[in-house]
Amino acid sequence: QSRLKSRDRQWYFFSALDKKYETGWRRNRATGQGYWKTTGKDRAVCRSNRSAASMKKTLVYHFGRAPRGERTNWVMHEYRLVDESLGRHGLQ
């Protein structure tokens, strides 16, 4: 049960990503009760000039531990800026 008192069906959060392994590139998406699993391919979110501004990743929540977790109907869309966009704004 949510601690947020809202009837909204969509919520928005900002969070830092944790690395699964200190020297690797994979992300840790485990929670106390399950994990978020990526589905499909990353998709580009384009500007009006058709250049990619960001990437969108779709994830589905599973209860339990991988690989035997139980799929739920919870879906999360993760957005990230492409490196080129970050550099122009002095970010990494």
C-alpha atoms as a PDB file:
ATOM      1  CA  GLN A   1       0.000   0.000   0.000  1.00  0.00           C
ATOM      2  CA  SER A   2       1.299   3.408  -0.951  1.00  0.00           C
ATOM      3  CA  ARG A   3       2.178   6.007   1.643  1.00  0.00           C
ATOM      4  CA  LEU A   4       1.344   8.682  -0.903  1.00  0.00           C
ATOM      5  CA  LYS A   5      -2.271   9.776  -0.614  1.00  0.00           C
ATOM      6  CA  SER A   6      -3.197  10.192  -4.248  1.00  0.00           C
ATOM      7  CA  ARG A   7      -5.588   8.726  -6.765  1.00  0.00           C
ATOM      8  CA  ASP A   8      -3.185   9.456  -9.595  1.00  0.00           C
ATOM      9  CA  ARG A   9      -2.365   6.413 -11.695  1.00  0.00           C
ATOM     10  CA  GLN A  10       0.946   7.892 -12.874  1.00  0.00           C
ATOM     11  CA  TRP A  11       3.772   9.014 -10.610  1.00  0.00           C
ATOM     12  CA  TYR A  12       7.093  10.642 -11.479  1.00  0.00           C
ATOM     13  CA  PHE A  13      10.346  10.200  -9.568  1.00  0.00           C
ATOM     14  CA  PHE A  14      13.965  11.214 -10.001  1.00  0.00           C
ATOM     15  CA  SER A  15      16.592   8.858  -8.642  1.00  0.00           C
ATOM     16  CA  ALA A  16      20.253   8.033  -8.973  1.00  0.00           C
ATOM     17  CA  LEU A  17      21.091   4.690 -10.556  1.00  0.00           C
ATOM     18  CA  ASP A  18      23.176   2.167  -8.628  1.00  0.00           C
ATOM     19  CA  LYS A  19      25.714   0.000 -10.383  1.00  0.00           C
ATOM     20  CA  LYS A  20      25.180  -3.731  -9.964  1.00  0.00           C
ATOM     21  CA  TYR A  21      28.944  -4.281  -9.860  1.00  0.00           C
ATOM     22  CA  GLU A  22      31.475  -1.623  -8.919  1.00  0.00           C
ATOM     23  CA  THR A  23      33.459  -1.873 -12.158  1.00  0.00           C
ATOM     24  CA  GLY A  24      30.604  -2.756 -14.508  1.00  0.00           C
ATOM     25  CA  TRP A  25      27.985  -0.885 -16.514  1.00  0.00           C
ATOM     26  CA  ARG A  26      24.913  -2.933 -15.476  1.00  0.00           C
ATOM     27  CA  ARG A  27      22.403  -1.257 -13.168  1.00  0.00           C
ATOM     28  CA  ASN A  28      21.017  -2.663  -9.923  1.00  0.00           C
ATOM     29  CA  ARG A  29      17.220  -2.582 -10.128  1.00  0.00           C
ATOM     30  CA  ALA A  30      16.487  -4.909  -7.213  1.00  0.00           C
ATOM     31  CA  THR A  31      14.106  -3.887  -4.433  1.00  0.00           C
ATOM     32  CA  GLY A  32      13.280  -5.441  -1.064  1.00  0.00           C
ATOM     33  CA  GLN A  33      10.481  -7.528  -2.566  1.00  0.00           C
ATOM     34  CA  GLY A  34      11.449  -7.989  -6.214  1.00  0.00           C
ATOM     35  CA  TYR A  35      13.143  -6.384  -9.180  1.00  0.00           C
ATOM     36  CA  TRP A  36      12.553  -4.282 -12.286  1.00  0.00           C
ATOM     37  CA  LYS A  37      13.283  -6.152 -15.525  1.00  0.00           C
ATOM     38  CA  THR A  38      13.927  -4.390 -18.816  1.00  0.00           C
ATOM     39  CA  THR A  39      11.712  -5.286 -21.754  1.00  0.00           C
ATOM     40  CA  GLY A  40      12.312  -4.594 -25.414  1.00  0.00           C
ATOM     41  CA  LYS A  41      14.863  -2.208 -26.854  1.00  0.00           C
ATOM     42  CA  ASP A  42      15.738   1.284 -25.704  1.00  0.00           C
ATOM     43  CA  ARG A  43      13.958   3.873 -27.828  1.00  0.00           C
ATOM     44  CA  ALA A  44      15.181   7.304 -28.819  1.00  0.00           C
ATOM     45  CA  VAL A  45      13.122  10.343 -27.815  1.00  0.00           C
ATOM     46  CA  CYS A  46      13.774  12.858 -30.574  1.00  0.00           C
ATOM     47  CA  ARG A  47      13.751  16.623 -30.870  1.00  0.00           C
ATOM     48  CA  SER A  48      11.901  18.404 -33.668  1.00  0.00           C
ATOM     49  CA  ASN A  49      15.046  18.131 -35.855  1.00  0.00           C
ATOM     50  CA  ARG A  50      14.926  14.325 -35.354  1.00  0.00           C
ATOM     51  CA  SER A  51      18.135  14.132 -33.338  1.00  0.00           C
ATOM     52  CA  ALA A  52      17.985  12.031 -30.173  1.00  0.00           C
ATOM     53  CA  ALA A  53      17.582  14.095 -27.005  1.00  0.00           C
ATOM     54  CA  SER A  54      17.145  11.161 -24.652  1.00  0.00           C
ATOM     55  CA  MET A  55      16.554   7.432 -24.463  1.00  0.00           C
ATOM     56  CA  LYS A  56      13.529   5.640 -23.031  1.00  0.00           C
ATOM     57  CA  LYS A  57      13.758   2.197 -21.406  1.00  0.00           C
ATOM     58  CA  THR A  58      10.651   0.203 -20.414  1.00  0.00           C
ATOM     59  CA  LEU A  59      10.781  -1.979 -17.294  1.00  0.00           C
ATOM     60  CA  VAL A  60       8.263  -4.378 -15.710  1.00  0.00           C
ATOM     61  CA  TYR A  61       8.213  -5.202 -11.990  1.00  0.00           C
ATOM     62  CA  HIS A  62       8.551  -8.828 -10.836  1.00  0.00           C
ATOM     63  CA  PHE A  63       7.911 -10.059  -7.272  1.00  0.00           C
ATOM     64  CA  GLY A  64      10.529 -12.457  -5.925  1.00  0.00           C
ATOM     65  CA  ARG A  65      14.038 -13.142  -7.114  1.00  0.00           C
ATOM     66  CA  ALA A  66      15.295 -13.473 -10.668  1.00  0.00           C
ATOM     67  CA  PRO A  67      14.913 -15.535 -12.750  1.00  0.00           C
ATOM     68  CA  ARG A  68      11.775 -17.000 -11.129  1.00  0.00           C
ATOM     69  CA  GLY A  69      10.060 -13.757 -10.164  1.00  0.00           C
ATOM     70  CA  GLU A  70       6.339 -13.319 -10.749  1.00  0.00           C
ATOM     71  CA  ARG A  71       5.565 -10.685 -13.379  1.00  0.00           C
ATOM     72  CA  THR A  72       3.186  -7.888 -12.342  1.00  0.00           C
ATOM     73  CA  ASN A  73       1.271  -5.291 -14.336  1.00  0.00           C
ATOM     74  CA  TRP A  74       3.444  -2.447 -12.970  1.00  0.00           C
ATOM     75  CA  VAL A  75       5.360  -0.681 -15.740  1.00  0.00           C
ATOM     76  CA  MET A  76       8.056   1.969 -15.396  1.00  0.00           C
ATOM     77  CA  HIS A  77       9.539   4.127 -18.150  1.00  0.00           C
ATOM     78  CA  GLU A  78      13.089   5.227 -17.454  1.00  0.00           C
ATOM     79  CA  TYR A  79      14.435   8.252 -19.328  1.00  0.00           C
ATOM     80  CA  ARG A  80      18.061   9.303 -19.621  1.00  0.00           C
ATOM     81  CA  LEU A  81      19.790  12.076 -21.549  1.00  0.00           C
ATOM     82  CA  VAL A  82      22.157  11.016 -24.289  1.00  0.00           C
ATOM     83  CA  ASP A  83      25.826  11.821 -23.606  1.00  0.00           C
ATOM     84  CA  GLU A  84      25.910  14.469 -26.332  1.00  0.00           C
ATOM     85  CA  SER A  85      23.122  16.428 -24.584  1.00  0.00           C
ATOM     86  CA  LEU A  86      24.876  16.214 -21.233  1.00  0.00           C
ATOM     87  CA  GLY A  87      28.176  17.546 -22.522  1.00  0.00           C
ATOM     88  CA  ARG A  88      26.628  20.687 -23.988  1.00  0.00           C
ATOM     89  CA  HIS A  89      25.251  21.571 -20.564  1.00  0.00           C
ATOM     90  CA  GLY A  90      28.450  20.833 -18.638  1.00  0.00           C
ATOM     91  CA  LEU A  91      27.109  17.591 -17.118  1.00  0.00           C
ATOM     92  CA  GLN A  92      28.450  14.049 -17.106  1.00  0.00           C
END
